[in-house]
Amino acid sequence: MKIEILIPAMLKGLNPIIVALIVGNCLTIITILLVTGFIKKAYAAIISAISCSFVTCILAIIFGNYFNIHGTVMDWSESLLYSGFLKLIGKF
């Protein structure tokens, strides 16, 4: 499910961190509720998981911009560049 949503969203130009946050939180909520049911412990686990992932997302965006981390040094990034997906790589 995650790949079916995340990859097309990135190809459309959406921010992959935000999309991963939304998809990951949806999967977390569904999984916790299916495993535990609708109890107080499940709600506490959902709130803590979402808050931790939200803080992590905010820190990733802030420090990614501050340290100019754009991902072009990763393996296969040149292939994306030459294939015409410059918007996936980021700014130079």
Protein backbone atom coordinates (compact mmCIF):
# COMPACT_ATOMS: atom_id res chain seq x y z
CA MET A 1 0.00 0.00 0.00
CA LYS A 2 2.76 2.42 0.90
CA ILE A 3 4.62 2.03 -2.40
CA GLU A 4 1.42 2.41 -4.41
CA ILE A 5 0.87 5.82 -2.85
CA LEU A 6 4.39 7.09 -2.13
CA ILE A 7 6.06 6.59 -5.52
CA PRO A 8 3.25 8.13 -7.65
CA ALA A 9 3.04 11.07 -5.23
CA MET A 10 6.77 11.71 -5.56
CA LEU A 11 6.54 11.49 -9.35
CA LYS A 12 3.81 14.15 -9.23
CA GLY A 13 6.20 16.42 -7.34
CA LEU A 14 4.82 16.21 -3.82
CA ASN A 15 7.17 16.41 -0.85
CA PRO A 16 8.17 12.80 -0.08
CA ILE A 17 8.68 13.49 3.62
CA ILE A 18 5.15 14.81 4.08
CA VAL A 19 3.63 12.00 2.01
CA ALA A 20 5.59 9.39 3.96
CA LEU A 21 4.42 11.00 7.21
CA ILE A 22 0.77 10.80 6.18
CA VAL A 23 0.96 7.27 4.79
CA GLY A 24 3.02 5.99 7.71
CA ASN A 25 0.64 7.48 10.26
CA CYS A 26 -2.37 5.98 8.49
CA LEU A 27 -0.72 2.56 8.49
CA THR A 28 0.20 2.96 12.16
CA ILE A 29 -3.36 3.82 13.15
CA ILE A 30 -4.85 0.94 11.17
CA THR A 31 -2.33 -1.58 12.48
CA ILE A 32 -2.67 -0.59 16.13
CA LEU A 33 -6.46 -0.61 15.99
CA LEU A 34 -6.56 -3.98 14.24
CA VAL A 35 -4.19 -5.55 16.75
CA THR A 36 -5.50 -4.10 20.00
CA GLY A 37 -8.98 -2.86 19.27
CA PHE A 38 -10.53 0.35 20.51
CA ILE A 39 -9.05 0.60 24.00
CA LYS A 40 -7.29 3.36 25.93
CA LYS A 41 -3.86 1.80 25.44
CA ALA A 42 -4.36 1.81 21.68
CA TYR A 43 -5.26 5.49 21.73
CA ALA A 44 -2.18 6.27 23.83
CA ALA A 45 0.02 4.31 21.42
CA ILE A 46 -1.49 6.09 18.42
CA ILE A 47 -1.01 9.53 19.96
CA SER A 48 2.60 8.81 20.91
CA ALA A 49 3.48 7.27 17.54
CA ILE A 50 1.95 10.15 15.59
CA SER A 51 3.55 12.80 17.77
CA CYS A 52 6.99 11.17 17.50
CA SER A 53 6.74 10.83 13.73
CA PHE A 54 5.53 14.44 13.45
CA VAL A 55 8.50 15.73 15.47
CA THR A 56 10.87 13.59 13.39
CA CYS A 57 9.35 14.96 10.18
CA ILE A 58 9.69 18.56 11.33
CA LEU A 59 13.32 17.99 12.37
CA ALA A 60 14.10 16.32 9.03
CA ILE A 61 12.68 19.27 7.11
CA ILE A 62 14.42 21.88 9.27
CA PHE A 63 17.85 20.25 9.27
CA GLY A 64 17.55 19.15 5.65
CA ASN A 65 17.09 22.76 4.64
CA TYR A 66 19.66 24.09 7.11
CA PHE A 67 22.44 21.69 6.08
CA ASN A 68 21.35 21.67 2.40
CA ILE A 69 20.83 17.91 2.32
CA HIS A 70 19.22 17.16 -1.02
CA GLY A 71 20.02 13.51 -1.64
CA THR A 72 21.98 13.80 -4.88
CA VAL A 73 24.94 11.94 -3.40
CA MET A 74 22.87 8.77 -3.02
CA ASP A 75 23.27 5.76 -5.28
CA TRP A 76 21.36 5.99 -8.56
CA SER A 77 20.72 9.72 -8.26
CA GLU A 78 22.53 10.32 -11.55
CA SER A 79 20.13 7.93 -13.23
CA LEU A 80 17.21 10.05 -12.01
CA LEU A 81 18.94 13.18 -13.24
CA TYR A 82 19.53 11.80 -16.73
CA SER A 83 16.03 10.28 -16.91
CA GLY A 84 14.43 13.69 -16.54
CA PHE A 85 13.30 13.46 -12.91
CA LEU A 86 15.24 16.48 -11.70
CA LYS A 87 12.41 17.53 -9.38
CA LEU A 88 12.87 14.28 -7.39
CA ILE A 89 16.52 15.00 -6.74
CA GLY A 90 16.07 18.51 -5.39
CA LYS A 91 17.98 21.72 -5.72
CA PHE A 92 21.69 21.92 -6.46
